[in-house]
Amino acid sequence: MAMLEVKDLCTSFFTPSGEVKAVNGVSFNLDKGKVLGIVGESGSGKSVTAYSILQILTHPGKIVSGSIKFHDEELVGASDEKIREIRGNHISIIFQDPMTSLNPTLTIGNQLMEAILLHTGRNREQARERAIEMLEKVGINEPQKRMKQYAYELSGGMRQRVMIAMALACEPDILIADEPTTALDVTIQAQILELMQELQKEMGMAIIMITHDLGVIASMCDEVIVMYAGKVAERGTADAIFYTPKHEYTKGLMRSIPSIDSDEKTKLIPITGTPIDLLKLPSGCAFAPRCDCAMKICLQQHPEEFWVGRDHLAACWMNVKEGNVFEGRPEEEGEEETVNE
């Protein structure tokens, strides 16, 4: 049984202009010890999905429908007390910007100890020892000195390490990393990702990695979900997504990545147009206005998720046109006949 089960999750923001359907029918499972990547451009619904799981949505955001089960226990509609028990103890999050996530008026030590005291039965002395231990574990030198410092006294990479230490201090079952390497230089990015992989193996936790950086996804994730306009466009193993993408949006993302093997005069191919207005979602595929392969049906009817391979689904009508769709999940690729329409 999956550790976390999200089914048909719909989260909206009710604004004066209308309902913004930020997450619109998202489903996925997360198994113990696995790394799930959620990728997509800004506004695709990645972070709102994470905030919905932890139920830290701010007004006017609200979970409209769907189910979020942690160890088969329903979280949607659960009491505030139950959610507080889950949050931090069992599911933790690393936010996107450590500078704005850390309190500038409190020392690093006070903030780490506060999280430990809130979610565990440790006293202040034990919480201090645990905080120092976690700073050592995430590779911060002179941890006792850092405990007395403020966020502005640390570099970006060290602040991110503090955020990781805070998230892991209570040994959660699931870690949600929301753009954990944003605004860090490539060297520090590599160190942070390596650190997360080491801690994940050591602690046996599952990770949900939210990012727009496909390089991060390729290096860390077992499974990948590609989101667009609040929906899942494609899902599958990392190899399937990178080597045999089956959604035109995913293909566009791949074409926009520079390759080390390409000629220096080779031009990158950007995805034309701008993201869809979530206040005015079309009846068809949301990506159709930006898609070079859009057909009449794409504008009229939103595609369901079609099986395009073992552990690989894509919500794109082009797979039906090209005969890449399986009638059901194939045991082995090519074992079942594809549907030609």
C-alpha atoms as a PDB file:
ATOM      1  CA  MET A   1       0.000   0.000   0.000  1.00  0.00           C
ATOM      2  CA  ALA A   2       1.225   3.486  -0.854  1.00  0.00           C
ATOM      3  CA  MET A   3       2.322   5.739   1.993  1.00  0.00           C
ATOM      4  CA  LEU A   4       0.555   8.750   0.489  1.00  0.00           C
ATOM      5  CA  GLU A   5      -2.458   8.562  -1.840  1.00  0.00           C
ATOM      6  CA  VAL A   6      -3.775  11.690  -3.547  1.00  0.00           C
ATOM      7  CA  LYS A   7      -6.941  11.183  -5.597  1.00  0.00           C
ATOM      8  CA  ASP A   8      -8.816  13.708  -7.767  1.00  0.00           C
ATOM      9  CA  LEU A   9      -7.495  16.646  -5.724  1.00  0.00           C
ATOM     10  CA  CYS A  10      -9.091  19.981  -6.625  1.00  0.00           C
ATOM     11  CA  THR A  11      -7.893  23.186  -4.985  1.00  0.00           C
ATOM     12  CA  SER A  12      -9.213  26.597  -5.968  1.00  0.00           C
ATOM     13  CA  PHE A  13      -8.672  30.238  -5.035  1.00  0.00           C
ATOM     14  CA  PHE A  14     -11.913  32.186  -4.862  1.00  0.00           C
ATOM     15  CA  THR A  15     -10.992  35.697  -5.988  1.00  0.00           C
ATOM     16  CA  PRO A  16     -13.169  38.724  -6.816  1.00  0.00           C
ATOM     17  CA  SER A  17     -12.559  37.915 -10.503  1.00  0.00           C
ATOM     18  CA  GLY A  18     -13.753  34.337 -10.151  1.00  0.00           C
ATOM     19  CA  GLU A  19     -12.593  30.842  -9.213  1.00  0.00           C
ATOM     20  CA  VAL A  20      -8.970  30.044 -10.034  1.00  0.00           C
ATOM     21  CA  LYS A  21      -8.677  26.267 -10.393  1.00  0.00           C
ATOM     22  CA  ALA A  22      -5.028  25.974  -9.374  1.00  0.00           C
ATOM     23  CA  VAL A  23      -5.172  22.180  -8.933  1.00  0.00           C
ATOM     24  CA  ASN A  24      -7.805  20.430 -11.008  1.00  0.00           C
ATOM     25  CA  GLY A  25      -8.154  16.672 -10.517  1.00  0.00           C
ATOM     26  CA  VAL A  26      -4.599  15.614  -9.611  1.00  0.00           C
ATOM     27  CA  SER A  27      -3.969  12.022  -8.506  1.00  0.00           C
ATOM     28  CA  PHE A  28      -0.779  10.180  -7.557  1.00  0.00           C
ATOM     29  CA  ASN A  29       0.666   7.678  -5.064  1.00  0.00           C
ATOM     30  CA  LEU A  30       3.946   7.838  -3.156  1.00  0.00           C
ATOM     31  CA  ASP A  31       5.636   4.700  -1.846  1.00  0.00           C
ATOM     32  CA  LYS A  32       8.061   4.471   1.049  1.00  0.00           C
ATOM     33  CA  GLY A  33      11.634   5.370   0.155  1.00  0.00           C
ATOM     34  CA  LYS A  34      10.737   6.664  -3.322  1.00  0.00           C
ATOM     35  CA  VAL A  35      11.412  10.072  -4.865  1.00  0.00           C
ATOM     36  CA  LEU A  36       8.551  11.598  -6.840  1.00  0.00           C
ATOM     37  CA  GLY A  37       9.284  14.606  -9.027  1.00  0.00           C
ATOM     38  CA  ILE A  38       6.619  17.169  -9.918  1.00  0.00           C
ATOM     39  CA  VAL A  39       7.746  19.402 -12.766  1.00  0.00           C
ATOM     40  CA  GLY A  40       6.153  22.215 -14.726  1.00  0.00           C
ATOM     41  CA  GLU A  41       6.453  25.933 -15.361  1.00  0.00           C
ATOM     42  CA  SER A  42       5.302  28.624 -12.933  1.00  0.00           C
ATOM     43  CA  GLY A  43       1.557  28.532 -12.357  1.00  0.00           C
ATOM     44  CA  SER A  44       1.155  24.845 -13.208  1.00  0.00           C
ATOM     45  CA  GLY A  45      -0.043  23.956  -9.698  1.00  0.00           C
ATOM     46  CA  LYS A  46       3.046  22.243  -8.295  1.00  0.00           C
ATOM     47  CA  SER A  47       3.382  24.207  -5.051  1.00  0.00           C
ATOM     48  CA  VAL A  48      -0.376  24.421  -4.469  1.00  0.00           C
ATOM     49  CA  THR A  49      -0.484  20.610  -4.614  1.00  0.00           C
ATOM     50  CA  ALA A  50       2.148  20.461  -1.863  1.00  0.00           C
ATOM     51  CA  TYR A  51       0.424  23.094   0.258  1.00  0.00           C
ATOM     52  CA  SER A  52      -2.850  21.197  -0.119  1.00  0.00           C
ATOM     53  CA  ILE A  53      -1.249  18.018   1.231  1.00  0.00           C
ATOM     54  CA  LEU A  54      -0.018  19.884   4.321  1.00  0.00           C
ATOM     55  CA  GLN A  55      -3.151  22.093   4.374  1.00  0.00           C
ATOM     56  CA  ILE A  56      -1.194  25.326   4.704  1.00  0.00           C
ATOM     57  CA  LEU A  57      -3.218  27.150   2.068  1.00  0.00           C
ATOM     58  CA  THR A  58      -3.860  30.825   2.751  1.00  0.00           C
ATOM     59  CA  HIS A  59      -7.164  32.598   2.156  1.00  0.00           C
ATOM     60  CA  PRO A  60      -8.822  32.536  -0.385  1.00  0.00           C
ATOM     61  CA  GLY A  61      -7.413  29.091  -1.196  1.00  0.00           C
ATOM     62  CA  LYS A  62      -9.496  26.030  -0.383  1.00  0.00           C
ATOM     63  CA  ILE A  63      -9.534  22.291  -1.105  1.00  0.00           C
ATOM     64  CA  VAL A  64     -12.773  21.905  -3.069  1.00  0.00           C
ATOM     65  CA  SER A  65     -12.848  18.128  -3.467  1.00  0.00           C
ATOM     66  CA  GLY A  66     -10.723  15.015  -3.608  1.00  0.00           C
ATOM     67  CA  SER A  67      -8.911  12.781  -1.182  1.00  0.00           C
ATOM     68  CA  ILE A  68      -5.492  12.867   0.517  1.00  0.00           C
ATOM     69  CA  LYS A  69      -4.710   9.726   2.492  1.00  0.00           C
ATOM     70  CA  PHE A  70      -1.599   9.252   4.624  1.00  0.00           C
ATOM     71  CA  HIS A  71      -1.170   5.622   5.692  1.00  0.00           C
ATOM     72  CA  ASP A  72      -4.824   5.111   4.675  1.00  0.00           C
ATOM     73  CA  GLU A  73      -5.994   7.933   6.984  1.00  0.00           C
ATOM     74  CA  GLU A  74      -7.999  10.704   5.313  1.00  0.00           C
ATOM     75  CA  LEU A  75      -6.529  14.199   5.763  1.00  0.00           C
ATOM     76  CA  VAL A  76      -9.116  16.220   3.834  1.00  0.00           C
ATOM     77  CA  GLY A  77     -11.625  17.361   6.429  1.00  0.00           C
ATOM     78  CA  ALA A  78      -9.515  16.149   9.354  1.00  0.00           C
ATOM     79  CA  SER A  79      -9.372  18.214  12.539  1.00  0.00           C
ATOM     80  CA  ASP A  80      -6.752  20.928  13.017  1.00  0.00           C
ATOM     81  CA  GLU A  81      -5.280  18.870  15.843  1.00  0.00           C
ATOM     82  CA  LYS A  82      -4.828  15.861  13.567  1.00  0.00           C
ATOM     83  CA  ILE A  83      -3.251  17.952  10.816  1.00  0.00           C
ATOM     84  CA  ARG A  84      -0.803  19.515  13.307  1.00  0.00           C
ATOM     85  CA  GLU A  85       0.159  16.015  14.424  1.00  0.00           C
ATOM     86  CA  ILE A  86       0.886  14.981  10.826  1.00  0.00           C
ATOM     87  CA  ARG A  87       2.577  18.245   9.831  1.00  0.00           C
ATOM     88  CA  GLY A  88       6.214  18.250  10.927  1.00  0.00           C
ATOM     89  CA  ASN A  89       6.115  14.864  12.647  1.00  0.00           C
ATOM     90  CA  HIS A  90       5.286  12.791   9.568  1.00  0.00           C
ATOM     91  CA  ILE A  91       5.296  15.179   6.595  1.00  0.00           C
ATOM     92  CA  SER A  92       7.735  18.102   6.443  1.00  0.00           C
ATOM     93  CA  ILE A  93       8.422  20.743   3.820  1.00  0.00           C
ATOM     94  CA  ILE A  94      11.412  22.765   2.655  1.00  0.00           C
ATOM     95  CA  PHE A  95      10.122  26.057   1.299  1.00  0.00           C
ATOM     96  CA  GLN A  96      11.383  27.756  -1.827  1.00  0.00           C
ATOM     97  CA  ASP A  97      13.177  30.768  -0.329  1.00  0.00           C
ATOM     98  CA  PRO A  98      15.038  30.138   2.951  1.00  0.00           C
ATOM     99  CA  MET A  99      15.640  33.847   3.531  1.00  0.00           C
ATOM    100  CA  THR A 100      11.930  34.611   3.754  1.00  0.00           C
ATOM    101  CA  SER A 101      11.117  31.294   5.454  1.00  0.00           C
ATOM    102  CA  LEU A 102      13.459  31.910   8.386  1.00  0.00           C
ATOM    103  CA  ASN A 103      12.511  34.494  11.015  1.00  0.00           C
ATOM    104  CA  PRO A 104      15.054  37.348  10.826  1.00  0.00           C
ATOM    105  CA  THR A 105      14.462  38.309  14.478  1.00  0.00           C
ATOM    106  CA  LEU A 106      15.278  34.885  15.950  1.00  0.00           C
ATOM    107  CA  THR A 107      18.561  33.009  16.025  1.00  0.00           C
ATOM    108  CA  ILE A 108      18.953  29.831  13.990  1.00  0.00           C
ATOM    109  CA  GLY A 109      19.148  27.850  17.243  1.00  0.00           C
ATOM    110  CA  ASN A 110      15.875  29.238  18.582  1.00  0.00           C
ATOM    111  CA  GLN A 111      14.044  28.406  15.360  1.00  0.00           C
ATOM    112  CA  LEU A 112      15.405  24.865  15.207  1.00  0.00           C
ATOM    113  CA  MET A 113      14.640  24.240  18.867  1.00  0.00           C
ATOM    114  CA  GLU A 114      11.124  25.637  18.487  1.00  0.00           C
ATOM    115  CA  ALA A 115      10.321  23.067  15.797  1.00  0.00           C
ATOM    116  CA  ILE A 116      11.761  20.223  17.867  1.00  0.00           C
ATOM    117  CA  LEU A 117       9.947  21.287  21.067  1.00  0.00           C
ATOM    118  CA  LEU A 118       6.677  21.669  19.183  1.00  0.00           C
ATOM    119  CA  HIS A 119       6.697  18.263  17.523  1.00  0.00           C
ATOM    120  CA  THR A 120       8.569  16.004  19.968  1.00  0.00           C
ATOM    121  CA  GLY A 121       8.585  15.287  23.697  1.00  0.00           C
ATOM    122  CA  ARG A 122      12.121  16.613  24.204  1.00  0.00           C
ATOM    123  CA  ASN A 123      12.953  19.236  26.844  1.00  0.00           C
ATOM    124  CA  ARG A 124      14.974  22.372  25.999  1.00  0.00           C
ATOM    125  CA  GLU A 125      18.359  20.790  26.674  1.00  0.00           C
ATOM    126  CA  GLN A 126      17.525  17.738  24.568  1.00  0.00           C
ATOM    127  CA  ALA A 127      16.117  19.996  21.831  1.00  0.00           C
ATOM    128  CA  ARG A 128      19.365  21.990  21.798  1.00  0.00           C
ATOM    129  CA  GLU A 129      21.424  18.799  21.468  1.00  0.00           C
ATOM    130  CA  ARG A 130      19.161  17.602  18.647  1.00  0.00           C
ATOM    131  CA  ALA A 131      19.449  20.960  16.849  1.00  0.00           C
ATOM    132  CA  ILE A 132      23.249  20.856  16.987  1.00  0.00           C
ATOM    133  CA  GLU A 133      23.199  17.223  15.816  1.00  0.00           C
ATOM    134  CA  MET A 134      21.018  18.144  12.818  1.00  0.00           C
ATOM    135  CA  LEU A 135      23.245  21.078  11.841  1.00  0.00           C
ATOM    136  CA  GLU A 136      26.224  18.703  11.879  1.00  0.00           C
ATOM    137  CA  LYS A 137      24.280  16.167   9.817  1.00  0.00           C
ATOM    138  CA  VAL A 138      23.501  18.678   7.057  1.00  0.00           C
ATOM    139  CA  GLY A 139      27.172  19.675   6.821  1.00  0.00           C
ATOM    140  CA  ILE A 140      27.241  23.023   8.642  1.00  0.00           C
ATOM    141  CA  ASN A 141      30.592  23.700  10.277  1.00  0.00           C
ATOM    142  CA  GLU A 142      30.846  25.065  13.826  1.00  0.00           C
ATOM    143  CA  PRO A 143      27.204  24.231  14.631  1.00  0.00           C
ATOM    144  CA  GLN A 144      27.335  25.642  18.168  1.00  0.00           C
ATOM    145  CA  LYS A 145      28.417  28.996  16.760  1.00  0.00           C
ATOM    146  CA  ARG A 146      25.714  28.896  14.047  1.00  0.00           C
ATOM    147  CA  MET A 147      23.055  28.291  16.707  1.00  0.00           C
ATOM    148  CA  LYS A 148      23.656  31.866  17.951  1.00  0.00           C
ATOM    149  CA  GLN A 149      23.608  33.481  14.519  1.00  0.00           C
ATOM    150  CA  TYR A 150      20.737  35.035  12.546  1.00  0.00           C
ATOM    151  CA  ALA A 151      19.623  34.144   9.008  1.00  0.00           C
ATOM    152  CA  TYR A 152      21.228  37.244   7.439  1.00  0.00           C
ATOM    153  CA  GLU A 153      24.627  36.145   8.775  1.00  0.00           C
ATOM    154  CA  LEU A 154      24.557  32.920   6.728  1.00  0.00           C
ATOM    155  CA  SER A 155      25.103  32.340   3.013  1.00  0.00           C
ATOM    156  CA  GLY A 156      22.272  31.134   0.770  1.00  0.00           C
ATOM    157  CA  GLY A 157      23.554  27.573   0.782  1.00  0.00           C
ATOM    158  CA  MET A 158      23.879  27.509   4.577  1.00  0.00           C
ATOM    159  CA  ARG A 159      20.363  28.919   5.002  1.00  0.00           C
ATOM    160  CA  GLN A 160      19.048  26.149   2.776  1.00  0.00           C
ATOM    161  CA  ARG A 161      20.915  23.583   4.876  1.00  0.00           C
ATOM    162  CA  VAL A 162      19.296  25.045   7.998  1.00  0.00           C
ATOM    163  CA  MET A 163      15.879  24.638   6.362  1.00  0.00           C
ATOM    164  CA  ILE A 164      16.701  20.984   5.584  1.00  0.00           C
ATOM    165  CA  ALA A 165      17.855  20.445   9.176  1.00  0.00           C
ATOM    166  CA  MET A 166      14.599  21.970  10.470  1.00  0.00           C
ATOM    167  CA  ALA A 167      12.486  19.804   8.148  1.00  0.00           C
ATOM    168  CA  LEU A 168      14.299  16.592   9.109  1.00  0.00           C
ATOM    169  CA  ALA A 169      14.698  17.242  12.841  1.00  0.00           C
ATOM    170  CA  CYS A 170      11.588  15.185  13.658  1.00  0.00           C
ATOM    171  CA  GLU A 171      12.516  12.370  11.232  1.00  0.00           C
ATOM    172  CA  PRO A 172       9.445  12.646   8.946  1.00  0.00           C
ATOM    173  CA  ASP A 173       8.190   9.853   6.710  1.00  0.00           C
ATOM    174  CA  ILE A 174       7.783  12.250   3.777  1.00  0.00           C
ATOM    175  CA  LEU A 175       9.818  15.322   2.850  1.00  0.00           C
ATOM    176  CA  ILE A 176       8.335  17.820   0.402  1.00  0.00           C
ATOM    177  CA  ALA A 177      11.050  19.934  -1.236  1.00  0.00           C
ATOM    178  CA  ASP A 178       9.549  22.970  -2.966  1.00  0.00           C
ATOM    179  CA  GLU A 179      12.154  24.341  -5.384  1.00  0.00           C
ATOM    180  CA  PRO A 180      14.986  23.639  -2.892  1.00  0.00           C
ATOM    181  CA  THR A 181      17.777  24.903  -5.169  1.00  0.00           C
ATOM    182  CA  THR A 182      16.192  28.121  -6.471  1.00  0.00           C
ATOM    183  CA  ALA A 183      18.576  31.145  -6.428  1.00  0.00           C
ATOM    184  CA  LEU A 184      21.580  28.987  -5.519  1.00  0.00           C
ATOM    185  CA  ASP A 185      24.615  28.739  -7.790  1.00  0.00           C
ATOM    186  CA  VAL A 186      25.226  25.432  -9.546  1.00  0.00           C
ATOM    187  CA  THR A 187      27.955  24.268  -7.151  1.00  0.00           C
ATOM    188  CA  ILE A 188      25.770  24.791  -4.091  1.00  0.00           C
ATOM    189  CA  GLN A 189      22.809  23.243  -5.938  1.00  0.00           C
ATOM    190  CA  ALA A 190      24.802  20.061  -6.474  1.00  0.00           C
ATOM    191  CA  GLN A 191      25.824  19.967  -2.797  1.00  0.00           C
ATOM    192  CA  ILE A 192      22.227  20.430  -1.598  1.00  0.00           C
ATOM    193  CA  LEU A 193      20.901  17.698  -3.904  1.00  0.00           C
ATOM    194  CA  GLU A 194      23.667  15.308  -2.892  1.00  0.00           C
ATOM    195  CA  LEU A 195      22.929  16.035   0.765  1.00  0.00           C
ATOM    196  CA  MET A 196      19.221  15.307   0.277  1.00  0.00           C
ATOM    197  CA  GLN A 197      19.988  12.018  -1.470  1.00  0.00           C
ATOM    198  CA  GLU A 198      22.335  10.938   1.336  1.00  0.00           C
ATOM    199  CA  LEU A 199      19.805  11.811   4.055  1.00  0.00           C
ATOM    200  CA  GLN A 200      17.002  10.120   2.144  1.00  0.00           C
ATOM    201  CA  LYS A 201      18.948   6.856   1.968  1.00  0.00           C
ATOM    202  CA  GLU A 202      20.058   7.152   5.607  1.00  0.00           C
ATOM    203  CA  MET A 203      16.580   7.889   6.991  1.00  0.00           C
ATOM    204  CA  GLY A 204      14.530   5.857   4.494  1.00  0.00           C
ATOM    205  CA  MET A 205      12.032   8.646   3.892  1.00  0.00           C
ATOM    206  CA  ALA A 206      10.090   9.396   0.719  1.00  0.00           C
ATOM    207  CA  ILE A 207      10.578  12.717  -1.081  1.00  0.00           C
ATOM    208  CA  ILE A 208       8.309  14.842  -3.252  1.00  0.00           C
ATOM    209  CA  MET A 209      10.627  17.051  -5.299  1.00  0.00           C
ATOM    210  CA  ILE A 210       8.880  20.092  -6.780  1.00  0.00           C
ATOM    211  CA  THR A 211      10.889  21.969  -9.380  1.00  0.00           C
ATOM    212  CA  HIS A 212      10.987  23.489 -12.849  1.00  0.00           C
ATOM    213  CA  ASP A 213      14.579  22.272 -13.257  1.00  0.00           C
ATOM    214  CA  LEU A 214      14.586  19.100 -15.353  1.00  0.00           C
ATOM    215  CA  GLY A 215      18.217  18.453 -14.421  1.00  0.00           C
ATOM    216  CA  VAL A 216      17.203  18.074 -10.767  1.00  0.00           C
ATOM    217  CA  ILE A 217      14.424  15.676 -11.777  1.00  0.00           C
ATOM    218  CA  ALA A 218      16.791  13.552 -13.883  1.00  0.00           C
ATOM    219  CA  SER A 219      19.371  13.178 -11.119  1.00  0.00           C
ATOM    220  CA  MET A 220      17.046  12.387  -8.208  1.00  0.00           C
ATOM    221  CA  CYS A 221      13.605  11.033  -9.097  1.00  0.00           C
ATOM    222  CA  ASP A 222      12.223   7.528  -9.531  1.00  0.00           C
ATOM    223  CA  GLU A 223       8.893   8.745 -10.903  1.00  0.00           C
ATOM    224  CA  VAL A 224       7.944  12.034 -12.560  1.00  0.00           C
ATOM    225  CA  ILE A 225       4.685  13.955 -12.915  1.00  0.00           C
ATOM    226  CA  VAL A 226       4.536  16.743 -15.507  1.00  0.00           C
ATOM    227  CA  MET A 227       1.857  19.327 -14.652  1.00  0.00           C
ATOM    228  CA  TYR A 228       0.244  21.971 -16.814  1.00  0.00           C
ATOM    229  CA  ALA A 229      -2.653  24.308 -15.913  1.00  0.00           C
ATOM    230  CA  GLY A 230      -3.427  22.433 -12.700  1.00  0.00           C
ATOM    231  CA  LYS A 231      -3.654  19.000 -14.334  1.00  0.00           C
ATOM    232  CA  VAL A 232      -1.304  16.081 -14.848  1.00  0.00           C
ATOM    233  CA  ALA A 233      -0.121  16.158 -18.458  1.00  0.00           C
ATOM    234  CA  GLU A 234       2.155  13.114 -18.273  1.00  0.00           C
ATOM    235  CA  ARG A 235       3.483  10.702 -15.678  1.00  0.00           C
ATOM    236  CA  GLY A 236       5.930   7.830 -15.668  1.00  0.00           C
ATOM    237  CA  THR A 237       9.402   6.725 -14.690  1.00  0.00           C
ATOM    238  CA  ALA A 238      12.217   9.234 -15.094  1.00  0.00           C
ATOM    239  CA  ASP A 239      13.605   7.215 -18.023  1.00  0.00           C
ATOM    240  CA  ALA A 240      10.234   7.129 -19.775  1.00  0.00           C
ATOM    241  CA  ILE A 241       9.678  10.877 -19.393  1.00  0.00           C
ATOM    242  CA  PHE A 242      13.169  11.836 -20.560  1.00  0.00           C
ATOM    243  CA  TYR A 243      13.733   9.312 -23.331  1.00  0.00           C
ATOM    244  CA  THR A 244      10.211   8.739 -24.694  1.00  0.00           C
ATOM    245  CA  PRO A 245       8.033  11.766 -23.810  1.00  0.00           C
ATOM    246  CA  LYS A 246       4.470  11.350 -25.078  1.00  0.00           C
ATOM    247  CA  HIS A 247       2.867  14.723 -24.353  1.00  0.00           C
ATOM    248  CA  GLU A 248       3.546  17.697 -26.611  1.00  0.00           C
ATOM    249  CA  TYR A 249       4.173  19.919 -23.573  1.00  0.00           C
ATOM    250  CA  THR A 250       6.803  17.525 -22.207  1.00  0.00           C
ATOM    251  CA  LYS A 251       8.419  17.364 -25.645  1.00  0.00           C
ATOM    252  CA  GLY A 252       8.520  21.158 -25.683  1.00  0.00           C
ATOM    253  CA  LEU A 253      10.243  21.218 -22.292  1.00  0.00           C
ATOM    254  CA  MET A 254      12.839  18.743 -23.562  1.00  0.00           C
ATOM    255  CA  ARG A 255      13.506  20.779 -26.720  1.00  0.00           C
ATOM    256  CA  SER A 256      14.146  23.896 -24.636  1.00  0.00           C
ATOM    257  CA  ILE A 257      17.028  22.292 -22.695  1.00  0.00           C
ATOM    258  CA  PRO A 258      20.564  22.973 -23.951  1.00  0.00           C
ATOM    259  CA  SER A 259      22.556  19.823 -24.682  1.00  0.00           C
ATOM    260  CA  ILE A 260      26.261  19.409 -24.068  1.00  0.00           C
ATOM    261  CA  ASP A 261      26.491  17.454 -27.349  1.00  0.00           C
ATOM    262  CA  SER A 262      24.761  20.062 -29.513  1.00  0.00           C
ATOM    263  CA  ASP A 263      26.567  22.356 -31.922  1.00  0.00           C
ATOM    264  CA  GLU A 264      27.320  25.825 -30.543  1.00  0.00           C
ATOM    265  CA  LYS A 265      25.201  27.359 -33.304  1.00  0.00           C
ATOM    266  CA  THR A 266      22.179  25.176 -32.484  1.00  0.00           C
ATOM    267  CA  LYS A 267      19.239  27.296 -31.384  1.00  0.00           C
ATOM    268  CA  LEU A 268      17.050  26.327 -28.451  1.00  0.00           C
ATOM    269  CA  ILE A 269      13.391  25.943 -29.314  1.00  0.00           C
ATOM    270  CA  PRO A 270      11.203  27.714 -26.753  1.00  0.00           C
ATOM    271  CA  ILE A 271       7.560  26.896 -26.128  1.00  0.00           C
ATOM    272  CA  THR A 272       5.652  29.709 -27.815  1.00  0.00           C
ATOM    273  CA  GLY A 273       2.861  31.667 -26.151  1.00  0.00           C
ATOM    274  CA  THR A 274       2.073  32.135 -22.486  1.00  0.00           C
ATOM    275  CA  PRO A 275       0.488  29.885 -19.827  1.00  0.00           C
ATOM    276  CA  ILE A 276      -3.288  29.602 -19.929  1.00  0.00           C
ATOM    277  CA  ASP A 277      -5.474  31.907 -17.823  1.00  0.00           C
ATOM    278  CA  LEU A 278      -6.786  29.646 -15.034  1.00  0.00           C
ATOM    279  CA  LEU A 279      -9.883  31.844 -14.752  1.00  0.00           C
ATOM    280  CA  LYS A 280     -10.834  30.935 -18.316  1.00  0.00           C
ATOM    281  CA  LEU A 281      -9.986  27.269 -18.753  1.00  0.00           C
ATOM    282  CA  PRO A 282     -11.014  25.903 -22.160  1.00  0.00           C
ATOM    283  CA  SER A 283     -13.192  22.829 -22.667  1.00  0.00           C
ATOM    284  CA  GLY A 284     -10.362  21.148 -24.552  1.00  0.00           C
ATOM    285  CA  CYS A 285      -6.672  20.658 -23.790  1.00  0.00           C
ATOM    286  CA  ALA A 286      -5.247  23.656 -21.937  1.00  0.00           C
ATOM    287  CA  PHE A 287      -1.977  23.359 -23.874  1.00  0.00           C
ATOM    288  CA  ALA A 288      -3.677  23.435 -27.290  1.00  0.00           C
ATOM    289  CA  PRO A 289      -3.257  27.219 -27.879  1.00  0.00           C
ATOM    290  CA  ARG A 290       0.531  26.783 -27.576  1.00  0.00           C
ATOM    291  CA  CYS A 291       0.812  23.428 -29.337  1.00  0.00           C
ATOM    292  CA  ASP A 292       2.095  23.183 -32.921  1.00  0.00           C
ATOM    293  CA  CYS A 293       0.354  19.809 -33.326  1.00  0.00           C
ATOM    294  CA  ALA A 294      -3.079  20.862 -32.023  1.00  0.00           C
ATOM    295  CA  MET A 295      -6.031  19.236 -33.776  1.00  0.00           C
ATOM    296  CA  LYS A 296      -9.718  20.075 -33.790  1.00  0.00           C
ATOM    297  CA  ILE A 297     -10.461  17.587 -30.998  1.00  0.00           C
ATOM    298  CA  CYS A 298      -7.763  19.201 -28.834  1.00  0.00           C
ATOM    299  CA  LEU A 299      -9.750  22.443 -28.814  1.00  0.00           C
ATOM    300  CA  GLN A 300     -13.059  20.726 -28.059  1.00  0.00           C
ATOM    301  CA  GLN A 301     -12.389  17.875 -25.622  1.00  0.00           C
ATOM    302  CA  HIS A 302      -9.856  17.446 -22.846  1.00  0.00           C
ATOM    303  CA  PRO A 303      -7.994  14.129 -23.228  1.00  0.00           C
ATOM    304  CA  GLU A 304      -8.021  11.520 -20.490  1.00  0.00           C
ATOM    305  CA  GLU A 305      -4.788   9.914 -19.353  1.00  0.00           C
ATOM    306  CA  PHE A 306      -3.943   7.198 -21.893  1.00  0.00           C
ATOM    307  CA  TRP A 307      -1.610   4.286 -21.234  1.00  0.00           C
ATOM    308  CA  VAL A 308       1.336   4.766 -23.595  1.00  0.00           C
ATOM    309  CA  GLY A 309       3.640   2.198 -22.002  1.00  0.00           C
ATOM    310  CA  ARG A 310       4.190   0.277 -18.812  1.00  0.00           C
ATOM    311  CA  ASP A 311       4.073   2.797 -15.906  1.00  0.00           C
ATOM    312  CA  HIS A 312       3.698   5.611 -18.445  1.00  0.00           C
ATOM    313  CA  LEU A 313       0.558   7.703 -19.038  1.00  0.00           C
ATOM    314  CA  ALA A 314      -0.028  10.861 -21.061  1.00  0.00           C
ATOM    315  CA  ALA A 315      -3.089  13.080 -21.548  1.00  0.00           C
ATOM    316  CA  CYS A 316      -2.511  13.951 -25.203  1.00  0.00           C
ATOM    317  CA  TRP A 317      -4.673  13.253 -28.273  1.00  0.00           C
ATOM    318  CA  MET A 318      -1.570  12.887 -30.465  1.00  0.00           C
ATOM    319  CA  ASN A 319      -0.998   9.436 -28.962  1.00  0.00           C
ATOM    320  CA  VAL A 320      -4.414   8.322 -30.203  1.00  0.00           C
ATOM    321  CA  LYS A 321      -3.695   9.737 -33.667  1.00  0.00           C
ATOM    322  CA  GLU A 322      -0.316   8.007 -33.840  1.00  0.00           C
ATOM    323  CA  GLY A 323      -1.605   4.707 -32.447  1.00  0.00           C
ATOM    324  CA  ASN A 324       0.509   4.785 -29.293  1.00  0.00           C
ATOM    325  CA  VAL A 325      -2.358   4.073 -26.884  1.00  0.00           C
ATOM    326  CA  PHE A 326      -2.770   0.740 -25.077  1.00  0.00           C
ATOM    327  CA  GLU A 327      -6.202  -0.584 -24.107  1.00  0.00           C
ATOM    328  CA  GLY A 328      -4.978  -1.079 -20.532  1.00  0.00           C
ATOM    329  CA  ARG A 329      -1.739  -1.060 -18.634  1.00  0.00           C
ATOM    330  CA  PRO A 330       0.596  -3.385 -20.559  1.00  0.00           C
ATOM    331  CA  GLU A 331       2.473  -6.025 -18.595  1.00  0.00           C
ATOM    332  CA  GLU A 332       5.355  -5.594 -20.960  1.00  0.00           C
ATOM    333  CA  GLU A 333       5.603  -2.885 -23.589  1.00  0.00           C
ATOM    334  CA  GLY A 334       4.157  -4.109 -26.859  1.00  0.00           C
ATOM    335  CA  GLU A 335       2.367  -7.034 -25.199  1.00  0.00           C
ATOM    336  CA  GLU A 336      -1.117  -5.561 -25.713  1.00  0.00           C
ATOM    337  CA  GLU A 337      -2.514  -4.193 -28.928  1.00  0.00           C
ATOM    338  CA  THR A 338      -2.688  -0.448 -29.255  1.00  0.00           C
ATOM    339  CA  VAL A 339      -5.877   1.386 -30.124  1.00  0.00           C
ATOM    340  CA  ASN A 340      -5.959   3.093 -33.511  1.00  0.00           C
ATOM    341  CA  GLU A 341      -8.537   5.815 -34.004  1.00  0.00           C
END
